[in-house]
């Protein structure tokens, strides 16, 4: 998973488990509903985070850059 994946999954997990699902079907419905209703701001932040990762990677010529975040 990439950093954007972690950010987006964290958001989804927080929303889906705000009230723990009671059945597998309930969980699946919450995941689908949450994915279909991700706010634009969350998607934009995910893209911005990805762009920052690309810039840091480029500045380090493809080397390690996690310590710069």
N, C-alpha and C. Protein backbone atom coordinates (compact mmCIF):
# COMPACT_ATOMS: atom_id res chain seq x y z
N UNK A 1 0.84 -1.18 0.00
CA UNK A 1 0.00 0.00 0.00
C UNK A 1 0.88 1.25 0.00
N UNK A 2 0.43 2.24 -0.70
CA UNK A 2 1.15 3.50 -0.74
C UNK A 2 0.59 4.44 0.32
N UNK A 3 1.27 5.56 0.54
CA UNK A 3 0.77 6.54 1.52
C UNK A 3 -0.65 6.99 1.23
N UNK A 4 -0.99 7.30 -0.04
CA UNK A 4 -2.39 7.67 -0.30
C UNK A 4 -3.36 6.55 0.08
N UNK A 5 -2.94 5.30 -0.15
CA UNK A 5 -3.79 4.18 0.23
C UNK A 5 -4.03 4.18 1.74
N UNK A 6 -2.96 4.40 2.51
CA UNK A 6 -3.09 4.41 3.96
C UNK A 6 -4.01 5.54 4.41
N UNK A 7 -3.85 6.71 3.83
CA UNK A 7 -4.70 7.85 4.21
C UNK A 7 -6.16 7.55 3.89
N UNK A 8 -6.41 7.09 2.69
CA UNK A 8 -7.79 6.84 2.27
C UNK A 8 -8.39 5.69 3.07
N UNK A 9 -7.61 4.62 3.30
CA UNK A 9 -8.12 3.50 4.09
C UNK A 9 -8.42 3.96 5.52
N UNK A 10 -7.57 4.80 6.08
CA UNK A 10 -7.82 5.32 7.43
C UNK A 10 -9.14 6.07 7.50
N UNK A 11 -9.39 6.88 6.49
CA UNK A 11 -10.66 7.61 6.44
C UNK A 11 -11.84 6.63 6.37
N UNK A 12 -11.76 5.68 5.43
CA UNK A 12 -12.84 4.71 5.26
C UNK A 12 -13.07 3.91 6.54
N UNK A 13 -11.99 3.46 7.16
CA UNK A 13 -12.11 2.66 8.37
C UNK A 13 -12.78 3.45 9.49
N UNK A 14 -12.40 4.72 9.63
CA UNK A 14 -13.02 5.56 10.67
C UNK A 14 -14.52 5.70 10.45
N UNK A 15 -14.93 5.91 9.21
CA UNK A 15 -16.36 6.09 8.93
C UNK A 15 -17.11 4.77 9.07
N UNK A 16 -16.57 3.70 8.48
CA UNK A 16 -17.26 2.41 8.50
C UNK A 16 -17.42 1.89 9.93
N UNK A 17 -16.39 2.06 10.75
CA UNK A 17 -16.43 1.51 12.11
C UNK A 17 -16.84 2.53 13.17
N UNK A 18 -17.36 3.68 12.74
CA UNK A 18 -17.85 4.67 13.71
C UNK A 18 -18.87 3.99 14.64
N UNK A 19 -19.73 3.18 14.06
CA UNK A 19 -20.65 2.32 14.80
C UNK A 19 -20.38 0.92 14.26
N UNK A 20 -19.79 0.04 15.06
CA UNK A 20 -19.38 -1.27 14.55
C UNK A 20 -20.50 -2.01 13.82
N UNK A 21 -20.19 -2.52 12.62
CA UNK A 21 -21.19 -3.30 11.88
C UNK A 21 -21.60 -4.54 12.68
N UNK A 22 -22.85 -4.93 12.53
CA UNK A 22 -23.35 -6.08 13.29
C UNK A 22 -23.33 -7.38 12.50
N UNK A 23 -23.26 -7.27 11.18
CA UNK A 23 -23.20 -8.46 10.32
C UNK A 23 -22.22 -8.20 9.19
N UNK A 24 -21.86 -9.25 8.51
CA UNK A 24 -20.98 -9.11 7.34
C UNK A 24 -21.66 -8.25 6.27
N UNK A 25 -22.95 -8.48 6.07
CA UNK A 25 -23.70 -7.71 5.07
C UNK A 25 -23.74 -6.23 5.44
N UNK A 26 -23.91 -5.96 6.72
CA UNK A 26 -23.92 -4.57 7.19
C UNK A 26 -22.57 -3.92 6.91
N UNK A 27 -21.49 -4.65 7.18
CA UNK A 27 -20.16 -4.11 6.93
C UNK A 27 -19.96 -3.83 5.43
N UNK A 28 -20.35 -4.77 4.58
CA UNK A 28 -20.20 -4.58 3.14
C UNK A 28 -21.00 -3.37 2.66
N UNK A 29 -22.21 -3.23 3.17
CA UNK A 29 -23.04 -2.09 2.79
C UNK A 29 -22.40 -0.78 3.23
N UNK A 30 -21.86 -0.75 4.45
CA UNK A 30 -21.20 0.47 4.95
C UNK A 30 -19.98 0.82 4.10
N UNK A 31 -19.21 -0.18 3.73
CA UNK A 31 -18.03 0.07 2.90
C UNK A 31 -18.44 0.64 1.55
N UNK A 32 -19.43 0.01 0.92
CA UNK A 32 -19.89 0.49 -0.39
C UNK A 32 -20.46 1.91 -0.29
N UNK A 33 -21.27 2.15 0.73
CA UNK A 33 -21.89 3.46 0.91
C UNK A 33 -20.84 4.52 1.18
N UNK A 34 -19.88 4.19 2.04
CA UNK A 34 -18.83 5.15 2.38
C UNK A 34 -17.97 5.46 1.15
N UNK A 35 -17.62 4.44 0.38
CA UNK A 35 -16.82 4.67 -0.83
C UNK A 35 -17.58 5.54 -1.83
N UNK A 36 -18.87 5.32 -1.95
CA UNK A 36 -19.67 6.09 -2.90
C UNK A 36 -19.85 7.54 -2.47
N UNK A 37 -19.59 7.81 -1.19
CA UNK A 37 -19.84 9.16 -0.66
C UNK A 37 -18.59 9.82 -0.09
N UNK A 38 -17.43 9.44 -0.58
CA UNK A 38 -16.20 10.08 -0.11
C UNK A 38 -16.24 11.55 -0.50
N UNK A 39 -16.07 12.44 0.48
CA UNK A 39 -16.10 13.87 0.17
C UNK A 39 -14.97 14.26 -0.78
N UNK A 40 -15.26 15.22 -1.61
CA UNK A 40 -14.28 15.74 -2.58
C UNK A 40 -13.00 16.16 -1.87
N UNK A 41 -13.12 16.78 -0.72
CA UNK A 41 -11.94 17.25 0.03
C UNK A 41 -11.01 16.10 0.41
N UNK A 42 -11.58 14.96 0.75
CA UNK A 42 -10.77 13.79 1.11
C UNK A 42 -10.02 13.28 -0.12
N UNK A 43 -10.69 13.22 -1.25
CA UNK A 43 -10.03 12.78 -2.48
C UNK A 43 -8.94 13.76 -2.89
N UNK A 44 -9.20 15.05 -2.77
CA UNK A 44 -8.19 16.06 -3.11
C UNK A 44 -6.97 15.94 -2.19
N UNK A 45 -7.21 15.71 -0.91
CA UNK A 45 -6.08 15.56 0.02
C UNK A 45 -5.26 14.32 -0.33
N UNK A 46 -5.93 13.26 -0.72
CA UNK A 46 -5.24 12.03 -1.12
C UNK A 46 -4.33 12.30 -2.32
N UNK A 47 -4.84 13.03 -3.30
CA UNK A 47 -4.05 13.37 -4.49
C UNK A 47 -2.89 14.29 -4.11
N UNK A 48 -3.15 15.28 -3.25
CA UNK A 48 -2.08 16.19 -2.81
C UNK A 48 -0.96 15.44 -2.10
N UNK A 49 -1.35 14.50 -1.24
CA UNK A 49 -0.35 13.69 -0.54
C UNK A 49 0.50 12.91 -1.54
N UNK A 50 -0.14 12.37 -2.56
CA UNK A 50 0.57 11.61 -3.57
C UNK A 50 1.56 12.51 -4.33
N UNK A 51 1.13 13.71 -4.67
CA UNK A 51 2.02 14.66 -5.36
C UNK A 51 3.21 15.02 -4.49
N UNK A 52 2.99 15.19 -3.20
CA UNK A 52 4.10 15.49 -2.29
C UNK A 52 5.10 14.34 -2.26
N UNK A 53 4.57 13.11 -2.26
CA UNK A 53 5.44 11.93 -2.27
C UNK A 53 6.29 11.91 -3.54
N UNK A 54 5.68 12.22 -4.67
CA UNK A 54 6.41 12.23 -5.94
C UNK A 54 7.51 13.29 -5.91
N UNK A 55 7.19 14.49 -5.41
CA UNK A 55 8.18 15.57 -5.35
C UNK A 55 9.36 15.18 -4.47
N UNK A 56 9.07 14.61 -3.29
CA UNK A 56 10.15 14.20 -2.40
C UNK A 56 11.01 13.11 -3.04
N UNK A 57 10.38 12.18 -3.68
CA UNK A 57 11.10 11.10 -4.35
C UNK A 57 12.01 11.66 -5.45
N UNK A 58 11.48 12.61 -6.22
CA UNK A 58 12.24 13.23 -7.30
C UNK A 58 13.44 14.01 -6.74
N UNK A 59 13.19 14.77 -5.66
CA UNK A 59 14.27 15.56 -5.05
C UNK A 59 15.39 14.66 -4.53
N UNK A 60 15.04 13.45 -4.13
CA UNK A 60 16.04 12.51 -3.60
C UNK A 60 16.55 11.54 -4.68
N UNK A 61 16.25 11.87 -5.94
CA UNK A 61 16.68 11.03 -7.07
C UNK A 61 16.27 9.57 -6.88
N UNK A 62 15.06 9.38 -6.37
CA UNK A 62 14.54 8.03 -6.18
C UNK A 62 15.00 7.35 -4.91
N UNK A 63 15.77 8.07 -4.10
CA UNK A 63 16.28 7.48 -2.86
C UNK A 63 15.27 7.59 -1.73
N UNK A 64 15.73 7.24 -0.55
CA UNK A 64 14.90 7.26 0.64
C UNK A 64 14.51 8.70 0.97
N UNK A 65 13.24 8.92 1.25
CA UNK A 65 12.78 10.27 1.56
C UNK A 65 11.78 10.32 2.71
N UNK A 66 11.45 9.16 3.29
CA UNK A 66 10.45 9.12 4.36
C UNK A 66 10.85 10.01 5.54
N UNK A 67 12.14 10.14 5.81
CA UNK A 67 12.61 10.96 6.93
C UNK A 67 12.39 12.46 6.69
N UNK A 68 12.04 12.84 5.47
CA UNK A 68 11.82 14.26 5.14
C UNK A 68 10.38 14.70 5.35
N UNK A 69 9.50 13.79 5.64
CA UNK A 69 8.07 14.11 5.78
C UNK A 69 7.78 14.72 7.11
